[in-house]
Amino acid sequence: MIEVESGDVLEMRNEAYQDILDDMNTKRKQMHFAPMFFWWTLAVSIVGAFTVDVGFVFLFMLSPLLWGIGRWLDSYRRTTVLFYDLEGSVQSSFGDMTAAFDSLIAARGKWHIEAGGAVTDITTWKRNAGASYIIRKKPTKLKYALPREVKSNIIPPALHVGKQIIYFLPDVALVDDGIKIGAVGYSDLQLRSQDSRFIEEGKIPSDAKVVGHTWKHPNKSGGPDRRFKVNPRIPICLYEALQLRSESGLNELVEFSKSGVATSFINSIQPLRLPTIDAPAMSGIVEMTE
């Protein structure tokens, strides 16, 4: 099995977003006041409780207030603001992209493919229902969200791909691994879709198309191997895979139960590849016009 995973997100640096990325990553490294205030208050209160000092009990009661104050301070110190003024064709293109993303969300089955490998021996082939290629995948999430340190007047599509989350902003795709944030411009984002025939041993998604059947343990001719007493017939479903790559290190693969939705999403990205904005200012204010 060959792992399908991206490289270091810090290597993913879009030229127009360099200053904003530096700002985001610097703020992400700053200390969180909210948990610091809370745990300091809790620790002092517990120690003080052994002295039977009423003042320490009062301090413990103030811990939620101090937590709130810490959250308020963090919201100013650790937040990057992105403001988008979408007009004309840019607004229309971003709307088309979100509509295509809604179709991805609507797919009944959504998976992130973690690893894959070709079947090269007969024993593995028999144990995997005659599959020529096997993959390891897990259900994934698609939603509308922003990185935790970012505030904006728009909420972009967000695709979870294992340890990373890809945020599809109007002008760039942010890649967040939970510690650092990178950016891939749409002109550098390589997208490819492909139909995939998947031997489905689990529950068949309601929108999946069954295109054939095989056996849990097939023989060389493709029929059931009679040596196995328990050898059920298994459906083959037509799914669609979406690959996301970039020269800077992005490498992710997701799969959907409904064929055609990934192709529509790729087509909706094409208009966003055109250069439509100037480099963002250090303040994090971005203006997009036709």
C-alpha atoms as a PDB file:
ATOM      1  CA  MET A   1       0.000   0.000   0.000  1.00  0.00           C
ATOM      2  CA  ILE A   2       1.359   3.415  -0.999  1.00  0.00           C
ATOM      3  CA  GLU A   3       0.334   6.309   1.242  1.00  0.00           C
ATOM      4  CA  VAL A   4      -1.521   9.181  -0.430  1.00  0.00           C
ATOM      5  CA  GLU A   5      -0.631  12.287   1.547  1.00  0.00           C
ATOM      6  CA  SER A   6       0.479  15.876   1.126  1.00  0.00           C
ATOM      7  CA  GLY A   7       3.833  17.405   1.988  1.00  0.00           C
ATOM      8  CA  ASP A   8       4.599  20.225   4.422  1.00  0.00           C
ATOM      9  CA  VAL A   9       1.965  22.955   4.076  1.00  0.00           C
ATOM     10  CA  LEU A  10       4.626  25.627   4.671  1.00  0.00           C
ATOM     11  CA  GLU A  11       5.997  24.706   1.248  1.00  0.00           C
ATOM     12  CA  MET A  12       2.627  25.647  -0.242  1.00  0.00           C
ATOM     13  CA  ARG A  13       3.074  29.390  -0.674  1.00  0.00           C
ATOM     14  CA  ASN A  14       1.053  31.382  -3.167  1.00  0.00           C
ATOM     15  CA  GLU A  15       2.900  34.552  -4.203  1.00  0.00           C
ATOM     16  CA  ALA A  16      -0.113  36.831  -3.723  1.00  0.00           C
ATOM     17  CA  TYR A  17      -0.799  35.389  -0.261  1.00  0.00           C
ATOM     18  CA  GLN A  18       2.714  35.363   1.258  1.00  0.00           C
ATOM     19  CA  ASP A  19       2.202  38.252   3.670  1.00  0.00           C
ATOM     20  CA  ILE A  20      -1.186  36.994   4.824  1.00  0.00           C
ATOM     21  CA  LEU A  21       0.170  33.459   5.314  1.00  0.00           C
ATOM     22  CA  ASP A  22       3.014  34.816   7.429  1.00  0.00           C
ATOM     23  CA  ASP A  23       0.482  36.768   9.474  1.00  0.00           C
ATOM     24  CA  MET A  24      -1.752  33.708   9.972  1.00  0.00           C
ATOM     25  CA  ASN A  25       1.079  31.400  10.966  1.00  0.00           C
ATOM     26  CA  THR A  26       2.635  33.958  13.315  1.00  0.00           C
ATOM     27  CA  LYS A  27      -0.673  34.474  15.104  1.00  0.00           C
ATOM     28  CA  ARG A  28      -1.263  30.738  15.309  1.00  0.00           C
ATOM     29  CA  LYS A  29       1.980  30.371  17.289  1.00  0.00           C
ATOM     30  CA  GLN A  30       0.964  32.977  19.873  1.00  0.00           C
ATOM     31  CA  MET A  31      -0.075  31.847  23.333  1.00  0.00           C
ATOM     32  CA  HIS A  32      -3.791  31.291  23.990  1.00  0.00           C
ATOM     33  CA  PHE A  33      -4.875  33.544  26.858  1.00  0.00           C
ATOM     34  CA  ALA A  34      -8.226  31.817  27.419  1.00  0.00           C
ATOM     35  CA  PRO A  35      -6.957  28.360  28.507  1.00  0.00           C
ATOM     36  CA  MET A  36      -3.990  29.946  30.309  1.00  0.00           C
ATOM     37  CA  PHE A  37      -6.314  32.112  32.443  1.00  0.00           C
ATOM     38  CA  PHE A  38      -8.648  29.194  33.112  1.00  0.00           C
ATOM     39  CA  TRP A  39      -6.040  26.630  34.145  1.00  0.00           C
ATOM     40  CA  TRP A  40      -4.080  29.169  36.204  1.00  0.00           C
ATOM     41  CA  THR A  41      -7.255  30.102  38.070  1.00  0.00           C
ATOM     42  CA  LEU A  42      -8.186  26.451  38.599  1.00  0.00           C
ATOM     43  CA  ALA A  43      -4.727  25.499  39.860  1.00  0.00           C
ATOM     44  CA  VAL A  44      -4.543  28.429  42.293  1.00  0.00           C
ATOM     45  CA  SER A  45      -8.075  27.685  43.537  1.00  0.00           C
ATOM     46  CA  ILE A  46      -7.311  24.016  44.200  1.00  0.00           C
ATOM     47  CA  VAL A  47      -4.148  24.873  46.105  1.00  0.00           C
ATOM     48  CA  GLY A  48      -5.979  27.591  47.997  1.00  0.00           C
ATOM     49  CA  ALA A  49      -8.846  25.266  48.908  1.00  0.00           C
ATOM     50  CA  PHE A  50      -6.551  23.402  51.292  1.00  0.00           C
ATOM     51  CA  THR A  51      -6.054  26.625  53.230  1.00  0.00           C
ATOM     52  CA  VAL A  52      -9.843  26.989  53.635  1.00  0.00           C
ATOM     53  CA  ASP A  53      -9.518  30.541  52.328  1.00  0.00           C
ATOM     54  CA  VAL A  54     -12.857  31.937  51.069  1.00  0.00           C
ATOM     55  CA  GLY A  55     -10.969  34.210  48.673  1.00  0.00           C
ATOM     56  CA  PHE A  56      -9.725  31.249  46.649  1.00  0.00           C
ATOM     57  CA  VAL A  57     -13.291  29.904  46.337  1.00  0.00           C
ATOM     58  CA  PHE A  58     -14.331  33.291  44.949  1.00  0.00           C
ATOM     59  CA  LEU A  59     -11.401  33.161  42.519  1.00  0.00           C
ATOM     60  CA  PHE A  60     -12.608  29.760  41.290  1.00  0.00           C
ATOM     61  CA  MET A  61     -16.079  31.199  40.680  1.00  0.00           C
ATOM     62  CA  LEU A  62     -14.465  33.885  38.513  1.00  0.00           C
ATOM     63  CA  SER A  63     -12.779  31.338  36.226  1.00  0.00           C
ATOM     64  CA  PRO A  64     -15.559  31.412  33.580  1.00  0.00           C
ATOM     65  CA  LEU A  65     -15.296  35.217  33.466  1.00  0.00           C
ATOM     66  CA  LEU A  66     -11.520  35.055  33.080  1.00  0.00           C
ATOM     67  CA  TRP A  67     -11.953  32.459  30.342  1.00  0.00           C
ATOM     68  CA  GLY A  68     -14.279  34.857  28.524  1.00  0.00           C
ATOM     69  CA  ILE A  69     -11.797  37.701  28.887  1.00  0.00           C
ATOM     70  CA  GLY A  70      -9.063  35.467  27.503  1.00  0.00           C
ATOM     71  CA  ARG A  71     -11.232  34.512  24.519  1.00  0.00           C
ATOM     72  CA  TRP A  72     -11.903  38.201  23.844  1.00  0.00           C
ATOM     73  CA  LEU A  73      -8.189  39.026  23.938  1.00  0.00           C
ATOM     74  CA  ASP A  74      -7.390  36.050  21.701  1.00  0.00           C
ATOM     75  CA  SER A  75      -9.994  37.159  19.164  1.00  0.00           C
ATOM     76  CA  TYR A  76      -8.019  40.373  18.629  1.00  0.00           C
ATOM     77  CA  ARG A  77      -4.482  39.038  18.928  1.00  0.00           C
ATOM     78  CA  ARG A  78      -4.840  35.819  16.941  1.00  0.00           C
ATOM     79  CA  THR A  79      -7.287  36.701  14.155  1.00  0.00           C
ATOM     80  CA  THR A  80      -6.673  37.578  10.502  1.00  0.00           C
ATOM     81  CA  VAL A  81      -9.539  39.351   8.753  1.00  0.00           C
ATOM     82  CA  LEU A  82     -10.249  38.733   5.062  1.00  0.00           C
ATOM     83  CA  PHE A  83     -12.854  40.952   3.458  1.00  0.00           C
ATOM     84  CA  TYR A  84     -14.106  40.095  -0.032  1.00  0.00           C
ATOM     85  CA  ASP A  85     -15.987  42.486  -2.294  1.00  0.00           C
ATOM     86  CA  LEU A  86     -17.203  40.056  -4.953  1.00  0.00           C
ATOM     87  CA  GLU A  87     -18.610  41.581  -8.119  1.00  0.00           C
ATOM     88  CA  GLY A  88     -19.543  40.563 -11.655  1.00  0.00           C
ATOM     89  CA  SER A  89     -17.981  37.425 -13.078  1.00  0.00           C
ATOM     90  CA  VAL A  90     -15.988  36.701  -9.903  1.00  0.00           C
ATOM     91  CA  GLN A  91     -19.148  36.588  -7.813  1.00  0.00           C
ATOM     92  CA  SER A  92     -20.835  34.394 -10.427  1.00  0.00           C
ATOM     93  CA  SER A  93     -17.845  32.024 -10.634  1.00  0.00           C
ATOM     94  CA  PHE A  94     -17.606  31.664  -6.864  1.00  0.00           C
ATOM     95  CA  GLY A  95     -21.346  30.994  -6.732  1.00  0.00           C
ATOM     96  CA  ASP A  96     -20.984  28.270  -9.368  1.00  0.00           C
ATOM     97  CA  MET A  97     -18.172  26.705  -7.366  1.00  0.00           C
ATOM     98  CA  THR A  98     -20.225  26.624  -4.150  1.00  0.00           C
ATOM     99  CA  ALA A  99     -23.179  25.125  -6.064  1.00  0.00           C
ATOM    100  CA  ALA A 100     -20.902  22.362  -7.374  1.00  0.00           C
ATOM    101  CA  PHE A 101     -19.567  21.836  -3.840  1.00  0.00           C
ATOM    102  CA  ASP A 102     -23.165  21.439  -2.629  1.00  0.00           C
ATOM    103  CA  SER A 103     -23.484  18.540  -5.070  1.00  0.00           C
ATOM    104  CA  LEU A 104     -20.394  16.950  -3.505  1.00  0.00           C
ATOM    105  CA  ILE A 105     -21.950  17.357  -0.059  1.00  0.00           C
ATOM    106  CA  ALA A 106     -25.187  15.776  -1.298  1.00  0.00           C
ATOM    107  CA  ALA A 107     -23.400  12.578  -2.359  1.00  0.00           C
ATOM    108  CA  ARG A 108     -24.443   9.824   0.027  1.00  0.00           C
ATOM    109  CA  GLY A 109     -20.934   8.397   0.220  1.00  0.00           C
ATOM    110  CA  LYS A 110     -17.811  10.555   0.689  1.00  0.00           C
ATOM    111  CA  TRP A 111     -14.403   9.085   1.489  1.00  0.00           C
ATOM    112  CA  HIS A 112     -10.792  10.209   1.844  1.00  0.00           C
ATOM    113  CA  ILE A 113      -8.431   7.667   0.313  1.00  0.00           C
ATOM    114  CA  GLU A 114      -5.405   7.216   2.569  1.00  0.00           C
ATOM    115  CA  ALA A 115      -3.450   4.581   0.642  1.00  0.00           C
ATOM    116  CA  GLY A 116      -3.686   2.263  -2.324  1.00  0.00           C
ATOM    117  CA  GLY A 117      -1.801  -0.502  -4.065  1.00  0.00           C
ATOM    118  CA  ALA A 118      -2.015  -2.901  -6.990  1.00  0.00           C
ATOM    119  CA  VAL A 119      -2.798  -6.570  -6.343  1.00  0.00           C
ATOM    120  CA  THR A 120       0.136  -8.644  -7.624  1.00  0.00           C
ATOM    121  CA  ASP A 121      -0.502 -12.175  -6.318  1.00  0.00           C
ATOM    122  CA  ILE A 122      -3.354 -14.654  -6.611  1.00  0.00           C
ATOM    123  CA  THR A 123      -3.823 -15.079  -2.849  1.00  0.00           C
ATOM    124  CA  THR A 124      -4.456 -11.373  -2.286  1.00  0.00           C
ATOM    125  CA  TRP A 125      -6.653 -11.302  -5.377  1.00  0.00           C
ATOM    126  CA  LYS A 126      -8.857 -14.083  -3.982  1.00  0.00           C
ATOM    127  CA  ARG A 127      -9.066 -12.540  -0.525  1.00  0.00           C
ATOM    128  CA  ASN A 128     -10.195  -9.193  -1.978  1.00  0.00           C
ATOM    129  CA  ALA A 129     -13.043 -10.382  -4.210  1.00  0.00           C
ATOM    130  CA  GLY A 130     -10.952 -10.292  -7.369  1.00  0.00           C
ATOM    131  CA  ALA A 131      -9.940  -6.647  -7.062  1.00  0.00           C
ATOM    132  CA  SER A 132      -6.939  -5.585  -9.162  1.00  0.00           C
ATOM    133  CA  TYR A 133      -6.306  -2.587  -6.904  1.00  0.00           C
ATOM    134  CA  ILE A 134      -7.079  -2.170  -3.200  1.00  0.00           C
ATOM    135  CA  ILE A 135      -7.407   1.023  -1.199  1.00  0.00           C
ATOM    136  CA  ARG A 136      -7.686   2.122   2.409  1.00  0.00           C
ATOM    137  CA  LYS A 137     -10.257   4.869   2.892  1.00  0.00           C
ATOM    138  CA  LYS A 138     -12.330   6.535   5.604  1.00  0.00           C
ATOM    139  CA  PRO A 139     -15.517   8.636   5.515  1.00  0.00           C
ATOM    140  CA  THR A 140     -14.734  12.339   5.242  1.00  0.00           C
ATOM    141  CA  LYS A 141     -16.493  15.645   5.904  1.00  0.00           C
ATOM    142  CA  LEU A 142     -17.459  18.450   3.567  1.00  0.00           C
ATOM    143  CA  LYS A 143     -18.895  21.643   5.010  1.00  0.00           C
ATOM    144  CA  TYR A 144     -18.653  25.445   4.957  1.00  0.00           C
ATOM    145  CA  ALA A 145     -16.114  26.787   7.446  1.00  0.00           C
ATOM    146  CA  LEU A 146     -13.062  28.994   8.019  1.00  0.00           C
ATOM    147  CA  PRO A 147      -9.713  28.299   9.731  1.00  0.00           C
ATOM    148  CA  ARG A 148     -10.065  29.072  13.427  1.00  0.00           C
ATOM    149  CA  GLU A 149      -7.886  32.209  13.295  1.00  0.00           C
ATOM    150  CA  VAL A 150      -9.616  33.673  10.227  1.00  0.00           C
ATOM    151  CA  LYS A 151     -12.665  35.945  10.117  1.00  0.00           C
ATOM    152  CA  SER A 152     -14.300  36.808   6.818  1.00  0.00           C
ATOM    153  CA  ASN A 153     -17.514  38.085   5.290  1.00  0.00           C
ATOM    154  CA  ILE A 154     -17.787  34.799   3.359  1.00  0.00           C
ATOM    155  CA  ILE A 155     -17.762  31.193   4.563  1.00  0.00           C
ATOM    156  CA  PRO A 156     -15.972  29.037   1.956  1.00  0.00           C
ATOM    157  CA  PRO A 157     -16.297  25.333   1.147  1.00  0.00           C
ATOM    158  CA  ALA A 158     -14.052  23.166   3.331  1.00  0.00           C
ATOM    159  CA  LEU A 159     -12.919  19.664   2.387  1.00  0.00           C
ATOM    160  CA  HIS A 160     -11.410  17.395   5.064  1.00  0.00           C
ATOM    161  CA  VAL A 161      -8.591  15.253   3.659  1.00  0.00           C
ATOM    162  CA  GLY A 162      -7.105  13.291   6.533  1.00  0.00           C
ATOM    163  CA  LYS A 163      -4.931  15.561   8.674  1.00  0.00           C
ATOM    164  CA  GLN A 164      -5.521  18.565   6.422  1.00  0.00           C
ATOM    165  CA  ILE A 165      -8.512  20.732   5.578  1.00  0.00           C
ATOM    166  CA  ILE A 166      -8.674  22.533   2.226  1.00  0.00           C
ATOM    167  CA  TYR A 167     -10.616  25.828   2.259  1.00  0.00           C
ATOM    168  CA  PHE A 168     -11.713  26.995  -1.196  1.00  0.00           C
ATOM    169  CA  LEU A 169     -11.683  30.804  -0.966  1.00  0.00           C
ATOM    170  CA  PRO A 170     -12.613  32.914  -4.015  1.00  0.00           C
ATOM    171  CA  ASP A 171      -8.961  33.523  -4.935  1.00  0.00           C
ATOM    172  CA  VAL A 172      -6.915  30.728  -3.361  1.00  0.00           C
ATOM    173  CA  ALA A 173      -7.148  27.337  -1.663  1.00  0.00           C
ATOM    174  CA  LEU A 174      -5.878  27.401   1.930  1.00  0.00           C
ATOM    175  CA  VAL A 175      -4.430  24.133   3.271  1.00  0.00           C
ATOM    176  CA  ASP A 176      -4.575  23.793   7.063  1.00  0.00           C
ATOM    177  CA  ASP A 177      -2.915  20.900   8.912  1.00  0.00           C
ATOM    178  CA  GLY A 178      -4.032  22.126  12.347  1.00  0.00           C
ATOM    179  CA  ILE A 179      -0.648  23.657  13.156  1.00  0.00           C
ATOM    180  CA  LYS A 180       0.353  25.541   9.995  1.00  0.00           C
ATOM    181  CA  ILE A 181      -1.465  27.018   7.010  1.00  0.00           C
ATOM    182  CA  GLY A 182      -0.360  27.025   3.375  1.00  0.00           C
ATOM    183  CA  ALA A 183      -1.932  28.292   0.162  1.00  0.00           C
ATOM    184  CA  VAL A 184      -2.265  26.947  -3.360  1.00  0.00           C
ATOM    185  CA  GLY A 185      -3.373  29.294  -6.130  1.00  0.00           C
ATOM    186  CA  TYR A 186      -6.045  27.944  -8.446  1.00  0.00           C
ATOM    187  CA  SER A 187      -3.677  28.322 -11.402  1.00  0.00           C
ATOM    188  CA  ASP A 188      -1.340  25.867  -9.610  1.00  0.00           C
ATOM    189  CA  LEU A 189      -4.071  23.499  -8.417  1.00  0.00           C
ATOM    190  CA  GLN A 190      -4.213  20.330 -10.510  1.00  0.00           C
ATOM    191  CA  LEU A 191      -7.595  18.603 -10.397  1.00  0.00           C
ATOM    192  CA  ARG A 192      -8.498  15.329 -12.045  1.00  0.00           C
ATOM    193  CA  SER A 193     -11.565  13.120 -11.820  1.00  0.00           C
ATOM    194  CA  GLN A 194     -11.988   9.499 -12.840  1.00  0.00           C
ATOM    195  CA  ASP A 195     -14.747   6.923 -12.570  1.00  0.00           C
ATOM    196  CA  SER A 196     -13.783   4.027 -10.328  1.00  0.00           C
ATOM    197  CA  ARG A 197     -15.363   0.588 -10.045  1.00  0.00           C
ATOM    198  CA  PHE A 198     -15.427  -0.312  -6.353  1.00  0.00           C
ATOM    199  CA  ILE A 199     -16.281  -3.730  -4.940  1.00  0.00           C
ATOM    200  CA  GLU A 200     -18.657  -2.659  -2.181  1.00  0.00           C
ATOM    201  CA  GLU A 201     -18.790  -5.077   0.749  1.00  0.00           C
ATOM    202  CA  GLY A 202     -20.500  -2.537   3.002  1.00  0.00           C
ATOM    203  CA  LYS A 203     -23.810  -0.722   2.692  1.00  0.00           C
ATOM    204  CA  ILE A 204     -24.449   0.554  -0.824  1.00  0.00           C
ATOM    205  CA  PRO A 205     -25.085   4.336  -0.876  1.00  0.00           C
ATOM    206  CA  SER A 206     -28.553   5.115  -2.228  1.00  0.00           C
ATOM    207  CA  ASP A 207     -27.173   7.247  -5.085  1.00  0.00           C
ATOM    208  CA  ALA A 208     -24.560   4.709  -6.217  1.00  0.00           C
ATOM    209  CA  LYS A 209     -24.883   2.903  -9.543  1.00  0.00           C
ATOM    210  CA  VAL A 210     -24.335  -0.851  -9.469  1.00  0.00           C
ATOM    211  CA  VAL A 211     -22.525  -1.878 -12.668  1.00  0.00           C
ATOM    212  CA  GLY A 212     -21.742  -5.524 -11.974  1.00  0.00           C
ATOM    213  CA  HIS A 213     -21.155  -8.252  -9.400  1.00  0.00           C
ATOM    214  CA  THR A 214     -18.337 -10.484  -8.234  1.00  0.00           C
ATOM    215  CA  TRP A 215     -17.790 -13.062  -5.497  1.00  0.00           C
ATOM    216  CA  LYS A 216     -16.145 -12.778  -2.120  1.00  0.00           C
ATOM    217  CA  HIS A 217     -13.732 -15.530  -3.211  1.00  0.00           C
ATOM    218  CA  PRO A 218     -13.641 -15.821  -7.023  1.00  0.00           C
ATOM    219  CA  ASN A 219     -11.870 -18.443  -9.079  1.00  0.00           C
ATOM    220  CA  LYS A 220      -9.496 -17.645 -11.930  1.00  0.00           C
ATOM    221  CA  SER A 221     -12.339 -17.471 -14.450  1.00  0.00           C
ATOM    222  CA  GLY A 222     -14.279 -14.967 -12.328  1.00  0.00           C
ATOM    223  CA  GLY A 223     -16.900 -17.371 -11.006  1.00  0.00           C
ATOM    224  CA  PRO A 224     -17.341 -18.461  -7.364  1.00  0.00           C
ATOM    225  CA  ASP A 225     -14.612 -20.587  -5.806  1.00  0.00           C
ATOM    226  CA  ARG A 226     -16.527 -23.671  -4.654  1.00  0.00           C
ATOM    227  CA  ARG A 227     -13.935 -24.477  -1.981  1.00  0.00           C
ATOM    228  CA  PHE A 228     -15.401 -21.712   0.194  1.00  0.00           C
ATOM    229  CA  LYS A 229     -18.654 -22.594   1.937  1.00  0.00           C
ATOM    230  CA  VAL A 230     -19.440 -18.942   2.651  1.00  0.00           C
ATOM    231  CA  ASN A 231     -18.924 -17.055  -0.614  1.00  0.00           C
ATOM    232  CA  PRO A 232     -21.530 -14.306  -1.102  1.00  0.00           C
ATOM    233  CA  ARG A 233     -22.116 -12.358  -4.323  1.00  0.00           C
ATOM    234  CA  ILE A 234     -20.867  -8.758  -4.007  1.00  0.00           C
ATOM    235  CA  PRO A 235     -21.980  -5.717  -6.024  1.00  0.00           C
ATOM    236  CA  ILE A 236     -19.557  -3.541  -7.993  1.00  0.00           C
ATOM    237  CA  CYS A 237     -20.427   0.165  -7.725  1.00  0.00           C
ATOM    238  CA  LEU A 238     -19.463   2.995 -10.047  1.00  0.00           C
ATOM    239  CA  TYR A 239     -17.938   5.767  -7.920  1.00  0.00           C
ATOM    240  CA  GLU A 240     -15.983   8.887  -8.898  1.00  0.00           C
ATOM    241  CA  ALA A 241     -12.547   9.823  -7.577  1.00  0.00           C
ATOM    242  CA  LEU A 242     -11.215  13.386  -7.291  1.00  0.00           C
ATOM    243  CA  GLN A 243      -7.468  13.980  -7.149  1.00  0.00           C
ATOM    244  CA  LEU A 244      -6.030  17.281  -5.896  1.00  0.00           C
ATOM    245  CA  ARG A 245      -2.346  17.972  -6.553  1.00  0.00           C
ATOM    246  CA  SER A 246       0.117  20.851  -6.784  1.00  0.00           C
ATOM    247  CA  GLU A 247       3.815  21.192  -7.513  1.00  0.00           C
ATOM    248  CA  SER A 248       4.219  22.635  -3.999  1.00  0.00           C
ATOM    249  CA  GLY A 249       3.270  19.335  -2.348  1.00  0.00           C
ATOM    250  CA  LEU A 250      -0.517  18.992  -2.221  1.00  0.00           C
ATOM    251  CA  ASN A 251      -1.493  15.369  -2.905  1.00  0.00           C
ATOM    252  CA  GLU A 252      -4.934  14.187  -1.853  1.00  0.00           C
ATOM    253  CA  LEU A 253      -7.533  11.779  -3.185  1.00  0.00           C
ATOM    254  CA  VAL A 254     -11.236  11.662  -2.327  1.00  0.00           C
ATOM    255  CA  GLU A 255     -14.051   9.506  -3.651  1.00  0.00           C
ATOM    256  CA  PHE A 256     -17.787  10.069  -4.055  1.00  0.00           C
ATOM    257  CA  SER A 257     -20.627   7.609  -4.461  1.00  0.00           C
ATOM    258  CA  LYS A 258     -22.332   9.631  -7.210  1.00  0.00           C
ATOM    259  CA  SER A 259     -20.554   9.760 -10.546  1.00  0.00           C
ATOM    260  CA  GLY A 260     -20.282  13.164 -12.219  1.00  0.00           C
ATOM    261  CA  VAL A 261     -20.191  15.416  -9.137  1.00  0.00           C
ATOM    262  CA  ALA A 262     -16.385  15.624  -9.024  1.00  0.00           C
ATOM    263  CA  THR A 263     -16.209  16.527 -12.714  1.00  0.00           C
ATOM    264  CA  SER A 264     -18.726  19.338 -12.165  1.00  0.00           C
ATOM    265  CA  PHE A 265     -16.663  20.678  -9.277  1.00  0.00           C
ATOM    266  CA  ILE A 266     -13.502  20.695 -11.397  1.00  0.00           C
ATOM    267  CA  ASN A 267     -15.306  22.583 -14.167  1.00  0.00           C
ATOM    268  CA  SER A 268     -16.514  25.179 -11.644  1.00  0.00           C
ATOM    269  CA  ILE A 269     -12.902  25.845 -10.540  1.00  0.00           C
ATOM    270  CA  GLN A 270     -11.705  26.687 -14.060  1.00  0.00           C
ATOM    271  CA  PRO A 271     -12.967  30.338 -14.134  1.00  0.00           C
ATOM    272  CA  LEU A 272     -11.257  31.010 -10.782  1.00  0.00           C
ATOM    273  CA  ARG A 273      -7.874  30.238 -12.342  1.00  0.00           C
ATOM    274  CA  LEU A 274      -7.906  33.588 -14.167  1.00  0.00           C
ATOM    275  CA  PRO A 275      -5.900  36.423 -12.505  1.00  0.00           C
ATOM    276  CA  THR A 276      -8.658  38.662 -11.123  1.00  0.00           C
ATOM    277  CA  ILE A 277      -7.121  40.315  -8.036  1.00  0.00           C
ATOM    278  CA  ASP A 278      -4.036  42.197  -6.918  1.00  0.00           C
ATOM    279  CA  ALA A 279      -1.795  40.942  -4.134  1.00  0.00           C
ATOM    280  CA  PRO A 280      -3.585  41.146  -0.753  1.00  0.00           C
ATOM    281  CA  ALA A 281      -2.447  43.790   1.699  1.00  0.00           C
ATOM    282  CA  MET A 282      -0.711  42.893   4.942  1.00  0.00           C
ATOM    283  CA  SER A 283      -3.862  43.890   6.820  1.00  0.00           C
ATOM    284  CA  GLY A 284      -5.598  40.871   5.397  1.00  0.00           C
ATOM    285  CA  ILE A 285      -8.098  42.929   3.403  1.00  0.00           C
ATOM    286  CA  VAL A 286      -8.799  41.436  -0.015  1.00  0.00           C
ATOM    287  CA  GLU A 287     -10.859  43.099  -2.721  1.00  0.00           C
ATOM    288  CA  MET A 288     -11.985  41.196  -5.773  1.00  0.00           C
ATOM    289  CA  THR A 289     -13.579  42.867  -8.793  1.00  0.00           C
ATOM    290  CA  GLU A 290     -14.456  41.841 -12.283  1.00  0.00           C
END
